[in-house]
Amino acid sequence: MAAENLIQVNQEQCIKCGLCVKVCRGTLGMGGHGPEVVDDFCIACGHCVAVCPNGALDHRLAPLEKQVLIEKASMPDANTAVRFLRSRRSVRSFQKKRVPRETICELLDIARFAPTACNSQGVSYLVVDDPATLKAIAAAVADWAEDDLRHGALGKSPWSKNTVNTIRGYRENGKDTILRDAPCVIIATAQKERFALGRDNTHFALAYAQLYAPALGLGTCWSGLFEYCAAAGYEPLLQLLQLPENKSVTGALLVGYLAYTFKRLVDREPLQVSWQ
């Protein structure tokens, strides 16, 4: 990324405190007239603009005009944050109610602010909300899982019993144990040549979506079987998705309005920490 002309400094507002240089990963240094570009390490993270107390710094790739002032009062206290984070649940029962597309866009617009490796971003989404397509996707995943349990890695995995029960419920009870009758599935994709990086970035992004979803009245759940099926290159599923040739599936999230509400914060296994 070319570093020239990246930053502009308002000399009247700059107090030469050097905070922008301290938070930078090596692109900025302090010159005789304040901060200046000294090397080509910029990843357009926007730290330099965000930290400036006087708004004296602008950045071509992270413009000041697109940044939002943070008010201290907007930060939750520790107790509120703990209760909020602990209240997240994986939702597997949804109302038979369509989620407006503008609501899904609002959800994913927050996901794009999740951290990514070296600010690489690069996650895009295919959203499926057509009932017939969702039913076909569930059937394709079930067919793949059934075959893989007999001949592939699923049968040797520690979750094989859970998968067997999932497929049995789908076949024998007529229940959608694959996509859980979710009215919407968000499928994350990334460039094939950057799959490992894209998958990590996807997990950050969808975690943001999961945490924001309750504010929109939505519940979410990761769709592991769908992701494994796509990663295996199962052609019937890929034909349904019709992804661009250069894209791979990196994750999937079931989304819908909760059929039930939860009344308690569930505990987890004890914290395990070692120090060195």
C-alpha atoms as a PDB file:
ATOM      1  CA  MET A   1       0.000   0.000   0.000  1.00  0.00           C
ATOM      2  CA  ALA A   2       1.553   3.277  -1.094  1.00  0.00           C
ATOM      3  CA  ALA A   3       2.168   5.518   1.894  1.00  0.00           C
ATOM      4  CA  GLU A   4       2.557   8.857   0.159  1.00  0.00           C
ATOM      5  CA  ASN A   5      -0.160  11.440   0.771  1.00  0.00           C
ATOM      6  CA  LEU A   6      -1.831   9.167   3.320  1.00  0.00           C
ATOM      7  CA  ILE A   7      -2.160  11.747   6.084  1.00  0.00           C
ATOM      8  CA  GLN A   8      -2.946  15.414   6.338  1.00  0.00           C
ATOM      9  CA  VAL A   9      -2.184  17.359   9.521  1.00  0.00           C
ATOM     10  CA  ASN A  10      -3.971  20.548  10.534  1.00  0.00           C
ATOM     11  CA  GLN A  11      -1.018  22.444  11.969  1.00  0.00           C
ATOM     12  CA  GLU A  12      -3.274  24.903  13.821  1.00  0.00           C
ATOM     13  CA  GLN A  13      -4.976  22.088  15.741  1.00  0.00           C
ATOM     14  CA  CYS A  14      -2.036  19.697  16.156  1.00  0.00           C
ATOM     15  CA  ILE A  15      -0.423  19.982  19.611  1.00  0.00           C
ATOM     16  CA  LYS A  16       2.372  17.520  18.694  1.00  0.00           C
ATOM     17  CA  CYS A  17       1.446  15.167  21.531  1.00  0.00           C
ATOM     18  CA  GLY A  18       2.685  12.193  19.480  1.00  0.00           C
ATOM     19  CA  LEU A  19      -0.251   9.920  20.346  1.00  0.00           C
ATOM     20  CA  CYS A  20      -0.854   9.120  16.688  1.00  0.00           C
ATOM     21  CA  VAL A  21       2.754   7.955  16.358  1.00  0.00           C
ATOM     22  CA  LYS A  22       2.558   5.845  19.510  1.00  0.00           C
ATOM     23  CA  VAL A  23      -0.512   3.898  18.367  1.00  0.00           C
ATOM     24  CA  CYS A  24       0.775   3.480  14.796  1.00  0.00           C
ATOM     25  CA  ARG A  25       2.421   0.201  13.793  1.00  0.00           C
ATOM     26  CA  GLY A  26       5.338   1.963  12.097  1.00  0.00           C
ATOM     27  CA  THR A  27       4.054   4.197   9.309  1.00  0.00           C
ATOM     28  CA  LEU A  28       4.124   7.458  11.285  1.00  0.00           C
ATOM     29  CA  GLY A  29       6.986   9.240  13.005  1.00  0.00           C
ATOM     30  CA  MET A  30       7.413  12.666  14.603  1.00  0.00           C
ATOM     31  CA  GLY A  31       9.025  15.251  12.374  1.00  0.00           C
ATOM     32  CA  GLY A  32       9.885  18.867  12.981  1.00  0.00           C
ATOM     33  CA  HIS A  33       6.329  19.973  12.218  1.00  0.00           C
ATOM     34  CA  GLY A  34       4.494  17.060  13.810  1.00  0.00           C
ATOM     35  CA  PRO A  35       3.497  13.566  12.621  1.00  0.00           C
ATOM     36  CA  GLU A  36       4.581  12.484   9.161  1.00  0.00           C
ATOM     37  CA  VAL A  37       4.792   9.289   7.105  1.00  0.00           C
ATOM     38  CA  VAL A  38       8.181   7.606   7.583  1.00  0.00           C
ATOM     39  CA  ASP A  39       7.545   4.099   6.244  1.00  0.00           C
ATOM     40  CA  ASP A  40       5.058   1.986   4.284  1.00  0.00           C
ATOM     41  CA  PHE A  41       3.372  -0.181   6.931  1.00  0.00           C
ATOM     42  CA  CYS A  42      -0.128   1.309   6.842  1.00  0.00           C
ATOM     43  CA  ILE A  43      -3.074  -1.101   7.001  1.00  0.00           C
ATOM     44  CA  ALA A  44      -5.717   1.661   7.126  1.00  0.00           C
ATOM     45  CA  CYS A  45      -6.757   0.745  10.676  1.00  0.00           C
ATOM     46  CA  GLY A  46      -7.577   4.387  11.481  1.00  0.00           C
ATOM     47  CA  HIS A  47      -5.882   4.357  14.893  1.00  0.00           C
ATOM     48  CA  CYS A  48      -4.011   7.580  14.207  1.00  0.00           C
ATOM     49  CA  VAL A  49      -7.166   9.533  13.387  1.00  0.00           C
ATOM     50  CA  ALA A  50      -9.179   7.931  16.191  1.00  0.00           C
ATOM     51  CA  VAL A  51      -6.675   8.719  18.943  1.00  0.00           C
ATOM     52  CA  CYS A  52      -6.047  12.393  18.077  1.00  0.00           C
ATOM     53  CA  PRO A  53      -7.592  14.493  20.883  1.00  0.00           C
ATOM     54  CA  ASN A  54      -8.061  17.572  18.676  1.00  0.00           C
ATOM     55  CA  GLY A  55      -9.124  16.014  15.396  1.00  0.00           C
ATOM     56  CA  ALA A  56      -6.005  17.434  13.795  1.00  0.00           C
ATOM     57  CA  LEU A  57      -5.158  14.342  11.749  1.00  0.00           C
ATOM     58  CA  ASP A  58      -6.900  13.082   8.638  1.00  0.00           C
ATOM     59  CA  HIS A  59      -6.157   9.915   6.677  1.00  0.00           C
ATOM     60  CA  ARG A  60      -7.004   9.215   3.051  1.00  0.00           C
ATOM     61  CA  LEU A  61      -8.001   5.596   3.795  1.00  0.00           C
ATOM     62  CA  ALA A  62      -9.632   6.248   7.184  1.00  0.00           C
ATOM     63  CA  PRO A  63     -11.213   9.705   6.768  1.00  0.00           C
ATOM     64  CA  LEU A  64     -11.913  11.841   9.805  1.00  0.00           C
ATOM     65  CA  GLU A  65     -15.364  12.697   8.483  1.00  0.00           C
ATOM     66  CA  LYS A  66     -16.419   9.035   8.724  1.00  0.00           C
ATOM     67  CA  GLN A  67     -15.286   8.608  12.328  1.00  0.00           C
ATOM     68  CA  VAL A  68     -17.683   9.005  15.247  1.00  0.00           C
ATOM     69  CA  LEU A  69     -16.836  10.676  18.536  1.00  0.00           C
ATOM     70  CA  ILE A  70     -16.971   8.315  21.495  1.00  0.00           C
ATOM     71  CA  GLU A  71     -18.783   9.569  24.559  1.00  0.00           C
ATOM     72  CA  LYS A  72     -17.612   8.027  27.824  1.00  0.00           C
ATOM     73  CA  ALA A  73     -21.206   7.541  28.945  1.00  0.00           C
ATOM     74  CA  SER A  74     -21.810   5.195  25.982  1.00  0.00           C
ATOM     75  CA  MET A  75     -19.560   2.524  27.482  1.00  0.00           C
ATOM     76  CA  PRO A  76     -21.376  -0.050  29.654  1.00  0.00           C
ATOM     77  CA  ASP A  77     -20.128  -0.639  33.173  1.00  0.00           C
ATOM     78  CA  ALA A  78     -18.437  -3.962  33.922  1.00  0.00           C
ATOM     79  CA  ASN A  79     -21.513  -5.607  35.455  1.00  0.00           C
ATOM     80  CA  THR A  80     -23.733  -4.654  32.516  1.00  0.00           C
ATOM     81  CA  ALA A  81     -21.129  -5.912  30.041  1.00  0.00           C
ATOM     82  CA  VAL A  82     -20.772  -9.232  31.880  1.00  0.00           C
ATOM     83  CA  ARG A  83     -24.516  -9.852  31.966  1.00  0.00           C
ATOM     84  CA  PHE A  84     -24.850  -8.908  28.308  1.00  0.00           C
ATOM     85  CA  LEU A  85     -22.055 -11.239  27.163  1.00  0.00           C
ATOM     86  CA  ARG A  86     -23.266 -14.108  29.333  1.00  0.00           C
ATOM     87  CA  SER A  87     -26.820 -13.742  28.046  1.00  0.00           C
ATOM     88  CA  ARG A  88     -25.900 -14.764  24.494  1.00  0.00           C
ATOM     89  CA  ARG A  89     -27.467 -18.109  23.648  1.00  0.00           C
ATOM     90  CA  SER A  90     -27.347 -20.366  20.594  1.00  0.00           C
ATOM     91  CA  VAL A  91     -30.954 -20.283  19.392  1.00  0.00           C
ATOM     92  CA  ARG A  92     -32.349 -23.417  17.750  1.00  0.00           C
ATOM     93  CA  SER A  93     -36.072 -22.609  17.812  1.00  0.00           C
ATOM     94  CA  PHE A  94     -37.375 -19.774  15.664  1.00  0.00           C
ATOM     95  CA  GLN A  95     -40.692 -18.125  15.006  1.00  0.00           C
ATOM     96  CA  LYS A  96     -42.240 -18.737  11.594  1.00  0.00           C
ATOM     97  CA  LYS A  97     -41.668 -15.116  10.736  1.00  0.00           C
ATOM     98  CA  ARG A  98     -39.617 -13.584   7.955  1.00  0.00           C
ATOM     99  CA  VAL A  99     -36.717 -11.334   8.954  1.00  0.00           C
ATOM    100  CA  PRO A 100     -36.794  -8.135   6.871  1.00  0.00           C
ATOM    101  CA  ARG A 101     -33.782  -7.826   4.599  1.00  0.00           C
ATOM    102  CA  GLU A 102     -33.059  -4.346   5.913  1.00  0.00           C
ATOM    103  CA  THR A 103     -32.726  -5.865   9.409  1.00  0.00           C
ATOM    104  CA  ILE A 104     -30.233  -8.437   8.118  1.00  0.00           C
ATOM    105  CA  CYS A 105     -28.273  -5.631   6.463  1.00  0.00           C
ATOM    106  CA  GLU A 106     -28.235  -3.748   9.768  1.00  0.00           C
ATOM    107  CA  LEU A 107     -26.934  -6.863  11.512  1.00  0.00           C
ATOM    108  CA  LEU A 108     -24.153  -7.410   8.978  1.00  0.00           C
ATOM    109  CA  ASP A 109     -23.231  -3.743   8.887  1.00  0.00           C
ATOM    110  CA  ILE A 110     -22.044  -4.139  12.492  1.00  0.00           C
ATOM    111  CA  ALA A 111     -20.188  -7.364  11.635  1.00  0.00           C
ATOM    112  CA  ARG A 112     -17.907  -5.473   9.256  1.00  0.00           C
ATOM    113  CA  PHE A 113     -16.406  -3.603  12.233  1.00  0.00           C
ATOM    114  CA  ALA A 114     -15.034  -6.811  13.777  1.00  0.00           C
ATOM    115  CA  PRO A 115     -11.239  -7.083  14.049  1.00  0.00           C
ATOM    116  CA  THR A 116      -9.475  -8.833  11.181  1.00  0.00           C
ATOM    117  CA  ALA A 117      -5.855  -9.867  10.680  1.00  0.00           C
ATOM    118  CA  CYS A 118      -3.861  -6.767   9.636  1.00  0.00           C
ATOM    119  CA  ASN A 119      -7.227  -5.132   8.899  1.00  0.00           C
ATOM    120  CA  SER A 120      -7.561  -7.469   5.904  1.00  0.00           C
ATOM    121  CA  GLN A 121     -11.392  -7.658   6.179  1.00  0.00           C
ATOM    122  CA  GLY A 122     -12.473  -9.395   2.946  1.00  0.00           C
ATOM    123  CA  VAL A 123     -15.589 -11.194   4.253  1.00  0.00           C
ATOM    124  CA  SER A 124     -18.689 -11.082   2.045  1.00  0.00           C
ATOM    125  CA  TYR A 125     -22.097 -12.663   2.528  1.00  0.00           C
ATOM    126  CA  LEU A 126     -24.717 -14.684   0.704  1.00  0.00           C
ATOM    127  CA  VAL A 127     -28.047 -14.473   2.525  1.00  0.00           C
ATOM    128  CA  VAL A 128     -30.635 -17.175   1.824  1.00  0.00           C
ATOM    129  CA  ASP A 129     -34.211 -16.433   2.909  1.00  0.00           C
ATOM    130  CA  ASP A 130     -36.186 -18.326   0.270  1.00  0.00           C
ATOM    131  CA  PRO A 131     -38.038 -21.208   2.008  1.00  0.00           C
ATOM    132  CA  ALA A 132     -37.687 -23.605  -0.921  1.00  0.00           C
ATOM    133  CA  THR A 133     -33.944 -23.000  -1.195  1.00  0.00           C
ATOM    134  CA  LEU A 134     -33.504 -23.408   2.558  1.00  0.00           C
ATOM    135  CA  LYS A 135     -35.321 -26.758   2.402  1.00  0.00           C
ATOM    136  CA  ALA A 136     -33.110 -27.882  -0.480  1.00  0.00           C
ATOM    137  CA  ILE A 137     -29.972 -26.838   1.411  1.00  0.00           C
ATOM    138  CA  ALA A 138     -31.039 -28.817   4.483  1.00  0.00           C
ATOM    139  CA  ALA A 139     -31.675 -31.890   2.321  1.00  0.00           C
ATOM    140  CA  ALA A 140     -28.279 -31.601   0.625  1.00  0.00           C
ATOM    141  CA  VAL A 141     -26.440 -31.262   3.942  1.00  0.00           C
ATOM    142  CA  ALA A 142     -28.332 -34.282   5.343  1.00  0.00           C
ATOM    143  CA  ASP A 143     -27.413 -36.399   2.307  1.00  0.00           C
ATOM    144  CA  TRP A 144     -23.748 -35.427   2.608  1.00  0.00           C
ATOM    145  CA  ALA A 145     -23.603 -35.993   6.374  1.00  0.00           C
ATOM    146  CA  GLU A 146     -25.218 -39.405   6.073  1.00  0.00           C
ATOM    147  CA  ASP A 147     -22.659 -40.513   3.490  1.00  0.00           C
ATOM    148  CA  ASP A 148     -19.733 -38.978   5.380  1.00  0.00           C
ATOM    149  CA  LEU A 149     -20.737 -40.728   8.594  1.00  0.00           C
ATOM    150  CA  ARG A 150     -20.276 -44.014   6.746  1.00  0.00           C
ATOM    151  CA  HIS A 151     -17.096 -43.210   4.846  1.00  0.00           C
ATOM    152  CA  GLY A 152     -15.570 -39.903   5.978  1.00  0.00           C
ATOM    153  CA  ALA A 153     -14.197 -37.850   8.814  1.00  0.00           C
ATOM    154  CA  LEU A 154     -17.535 -37.262  10.553  1.00  0.00           C
ATOM    155  CA  GLY A 155     -17.769 -40.908  11.539  1.00  0.00           C
ATOM    156  CA  LYS A 156     -14.417 -40.644  13.340  1.00  0.00           C
ATOM    157  CA  SER A 157     -15.037 -37.289  15.000  1.00  0.00           C
ATOM    158  CA  PRO A 158     -15.916 -36.840  18.693  1.00  0.00           C
ATOM    159  CA  TRP A 159     -19.225 -35.338  17.530  1.00  0.00           C
ATOM    160  CA  SER A 160     -20.267 -38.340  15.445  1.00  0.00           C
ATOM    161  CA  LYS A 161     -22.963 -39.403  17.932  1.00  0.00           C
ATOM    162  CA  ASN A 162     -24.450 -35.913  17.880  1.00  0.00           C
ATOM    163  CA  THR A 163     -24.428 -35.921  14.080  1.00  0.00           C
ATOM    164  CA  VAL A 164     -26.062 -39.365  13.945  1.00  0.00           C
ATOM    165  CA  ASN A 165     -28.866 -38.112  16.193  1.00  0.00           C
ATOM    166  CA  THR A 166     -29.220 -34.969  14.089  1.00  0.00           C
ATOM    167  CA  ILE A 167     -29.648 -36.942  10.869  1.00  0.00           C
ATOM    168  CA  ARG A 168     -31.970 -39.454  12.529  1.00  0.00           C
ATOM    169  CA  GLY A 169     -34.198 -36.629  13.699  1.00  0.00           C
ATOM    170  CA  TYR A 170     -34.230 -35.174  10.200  1.00  0.00           C
ATOM    171  CA  ARG A 171     -35.086 -38.490   8.518  1.00  0.00           C
ATOM    172  CA  GLU A 172     -37.464 -40.079  11.018  1.00  0.00           C
ATOM    173  CA  ASN A 173     -39.272 -37.204  12.722  1.00  0.00           C
ATOM    174  CA  GLY A 174     -39.662 -34.804   9.835  1.00  0.00           C
ATOM    175  CA  LYS A 175     -37.876 -32.071  11.800  1.00  0.00           C
ATOM    176  CA  ASP A 176     -35.384 -29.690  10.260  1.00  0.00           C
ATOM    177  CA  THR A 177     -32.541 -30.539  12.601  1.00  0.00           C
ATOM    178  CA  ILE A 178     -30.081 -29.187  10.004  1.00  0.00           C
ATOM    179  CA  LEU A 179     -31.109 -25.513   9.647  1.00  0.00           C
ATOM    180  CA  ARG A 180     -33.594 -25.593  12.559  1.00  0.00           C
ATOM    181  CA  ASP A 181     -36.377 -24.058  10.433  1.00  0.00           C
ATOM    182  CA  ALA A 182     -34.515 -20.760  10.536  1.00  0.00           C
ATOM    183  CA  PRO A 183     -36.134 -18.260   8.167  1.00  0.00           C
ATOM    184  CA  CYS A 184     -32.728 -16.980   7.130  1.00  0.00           C
ATOM    185  CA  VAL A 185     -29.193 -18.318   6.773  1.00  0.00           C
ATOM    186  CA  ILE A 186     -26.233 -15.961   6.488  1.00  0.00           C
ATOM    187  CA  ILE A 187     -23.400 -17.610   4.567  1.00  0.00           C
ATOM    188  CA  ALA A 188     -20.000 -15.946   4.879  1.00  0.00           C
ATOM    189  CA  THR A 189     -17.528 -16.219   2.025  1.00  0.00           C
ATOM    190  CA  ALA A 190     -13.936 -15.194   1.333  1.00  0.00           C
ATOM    191  CA  GLN A 191     -11.383 -15.453  -1.453  1.00  0.00           C
ATOM    192  CA  LYS A 192     -10.285 -19.053  -2.055  1.00  0.00           C
ATOM    193  CA  GLU A 193      -6.587 -18.189  -2.046  1.00  0.00           C
ATOM    194  CA  ARG A 194      -6.974 -16.603   1.395  1.00  0.00           C
ATOM    195  CA  PHE A 195      -9.262 -19.247   2.888  1.00  0.00           C
ATOM    196  CA  ALA A 196      -7.509 -19.698   6.253  1.00  0.00           C
ATOM    197  CA  LEU A 197      -7.332 -15.954   6.836  1.00  0.00           C
ATOM    198  CA  GLY A 198     -10.911 -15.504   5.608  1.00  0.00           C
ATOM    199  CA  ARG A 199     -12.184 -18.192   7.958  1.00  0.00           C
ATOM    200  CA  ASP A 200     -10.558 -16.528  10.968  1.00  0.00           C
ATOM    201  CA  ASN A 201     -11.929 -13.145   9.916  1.00  0.00           C
ATOM    202  CA  THR A 202     -15.361 -14.703   9.432  1.00  0.00           C
ATOM    203  CA  HIS A 203     -15.409 -16.026  12.987  1.00  0.00           C
ATOM    204  CA  PHE A 204     -14.683 -12.545  14.344  1.00  0.00           C
ATOM    205  CA  ALA A 205     -17.322 -10.980  12.105  1.00  0.00           C
ATOM    206  CA  LEU A 206     -20.077 -13.484  12.861  1.00  0.00           C
ATOM    207  CA  ALA A 207     -19.299 -13.263  16.579  1.00  0.00           C
ATOM    208  CA  TYR A 208     -20.023  -9.522  16.319  1.00  0.00           C
ATOM    209  CA  ALA A 209     -23.269 -10.339  14.507  1.00  0.00           C
ATOM    210  CA  GLN A 210     -24.255 -12.807  17.219  1.00  0.00           C
ATOM    211  CA  LEU A 211     -23.656 -10.250  19.970  1.00  0.00           C
ATOM    212  CA  TYR A 212     -25.588  -7.521  18.173  1.00  0.00           C
ATOM    213  CA  ALA A 213     -28.502  -9.741  17.129  1.00  0.00           C
ATOM    214  CA  PRO A 214     -30.431  -9.552  20.453  1.00  0.00           C
ATOM    215  CA  ALA A 215     -30.602  -5.760  20.118  1.00  0.00           C
ATOM    216  CA  LEU A 216     -32.614  -6.370  16.944  1.00  0.00           C
ATOM    217  CA  GLY A 217     -34.792  -9.011  18.598  1.00  0.00           C
ATOM    218  CA  LEU A 218     -32.992 -11.801  16.750  1.00  0.00           C
ATOM    219  CA  GLY A 219     -31.516 -15.120  17.768  1.00  0.00           C
ATOM    220  CA  THR A 220     -28.613 -16.855  16.032  1.00  0.00           C
ATOM    221  CA  CYS A 221     -26.817 -20.183  15.896  1.00  0.00           C
ATOM    222  CA  TRP A 222     -23.693 -21.357  14.078  1.00  0.00           C
ATOM    223  CA  SER A 223     -24.424 -23.986  11.442  1.00  0.00           C
ATOM    224  CA  GLY A 224     -21.505 -26.363  11.791  1.00  0.00           C
ATOM    225  CA  LEU A 225     -22.827 -29.149   9.556  1.00  0.00           C
ATOM    226  CA  PHE A 226     -23.492 -26.687   6.762  1.00  0.00           C
ATOM    227  CA  GLU A 227     -19.951 -25.339   7.035  1.00  0.00           C
ATOM    228  CA  TYR A 228     -18.392 -28.824   7.040  1.00  0.00           C
ATOM    229  CA  CYS A 229     -20.473 -29.834   4.031  1.00  0.00           C
ATOM    230  CA  ALA A 230     -19.402 -26.742   2.081  1.00  0.00           C
ATOM    231  CA  ALA A 231     -15.750 -27.207   3.091  1.00  0.00           C
ATOM    232  CA  ALA A 232     -15.911 -30.780   1.765  1.00  0.00           C
ATOM    233  CA  GLY A 233     -16.832 -29.362  -1.644  1.00  0.00           C
ATOM    234  CA  TYR A 234     -20.145 -31.235  -1.791  1.00  0.00           C
ATOM    235  CA  GLU A 235     -21.310 -30.421  -5.293  1.00  0.00           C
ATOM    236  CA  PRO A 236     -25.110 -30.565  -4.764  1.00  0.00           C
ATOM    237  CA  LEU A 237     -24.780 -27.913  -2.034  1.00  0.00           C
ATOM    238  CA  LEU A 238     -22.393 -25.732  -4.030  1.00  0.00           C
ATOM    239  CA  GLN A 239     -24.753 -25.845  -7.009  1.00  0.00           C
ATOM    240  CA  LEU A 240     -27.531 -24.478  -4.800  1.00  0.00           C
ATOM    241  CA  LEU A 241     -25.328 -21.638  -3.556  1.00  0.00           C
ATOM    242  CA  GLN A 242     -24.010 -20.575  -6.977  1.00  0.00           C
ATOM    243  CA  LEU A 243     -20.995 -18.821  -5.471  1.00  0.00           C
ATOM    244  CA  PRO A 244     -18.494 -16.931  -7.634  1.00  0.00           C
ATOM    245  CA  GLU A 245     -15.657 -19.212  -8.784  1.00  0.00           C
ATOM    246  CA  ASN A 246     -13.104 -17.398  -6.606  1.00  0.00           C
ATOM    247  CA  LYS A 247     -15.102 -17.613  -3.343  1.00  0.00           C
ATOM    248  CA  SER A 248     -15.299 -20.280  -0.618  1.00  0.00           C
ATOM    249  CA  VAL A 249     -17.722 -20.680   2.260  1.00  0.00           C
ATOM    250  CA  THR A 250     -16.068 -19.695   5.546  1.00  0.00           C
ATOM    251  CA  GLY A 251     -18.994 -19.893   7.966  1.00  0.00           C
ATOM    252  CA  ALA A 252     -22.758 -19.844   8.325  1.00  0.00           C
ATOM    253  CA  LEU A 253     -25.215 -18.411  10.830  1.00  0.00           C
ATOM    254  CA  LEU A 254     -28.859 -19.314  11.344  1.00  0.00           C
ATOM    255  CA  VAL A 255     -30.912 -16.198  12.045  1.00  0.00           C
ATOM    256  CA  GLY A 256     -34.500 -15.564  13.093  1.00  0.00           C
ATOM    257  CA  TYR A 257     -36.844 -14.297  15.764  1.00  0.00           C
ATOM    258  CA  LEU A 258     -36.717 -16.347  18.971  1.00  0.00           C
ATOM    259  CA  ALA A 259     -39.569 -18.759  19.617  1.00  0.00           C
ATOM    260  CA  TYR A 260     -38.732 -18.755  23.339  1.00  0.00           C
ATOM    261  CA  THR A 261     -36.898 -16.445  25.707  1.00  0.00           C
ATOM    262  CA  PHE A 262     -34.296 -17.527  28.258  1.00  0.00           C
ATOM    263  CA  LYS A 263     -34.717 -16.666  31.927  1.00  0.00           C
ATOM    264  CA  ARG A 264     -31.287 -17.452  33.386  1.00  0.00           C
ATOM    265  CA  LEU A 265     -27.564 -17.042  32.734  1.00  0.00           C
ATOM    266  CA  VAL A 266     -26.097 -20.530  32.348  1.00  0.00           C
ATOM    267  CA  ASP A 267     -22.716 -21.378  33.892  1.00  0.00           C
ATOM    268  CA  ARG A 268     -19.736 -22.828  32.021  1.00  0.00           C
ATOM    269  CA  GLU A 269     -16.763 -24.968  33.007  1.00  0.00           C
ATOM    270  CA  PRO A 270     -14.405 -23.299  35.514  1.00  0.00           C
ATOM    271  CA  LEU A 271     -11.803 -20.882  34.166  1.00  0.00           C
ATOM    272  CA  GLN A 272      -8.417 -22.508  33.540  1.00  0.00           C
ATOM    273  CA  VAL A 273      -5.415 -20.167  33.584  1.00  0.00           C
ATOM    274  CA  SER A 274      -1.688 -20.732  33.992  1.00  0.00           C
ATOM    275  CA  TRP A 275       0.929 -18.029  34.462  1.00  0.00           C
ATOM    276  CA  GLN A 276       4.555 -17.922  33.413  1.00  0.00           C
END
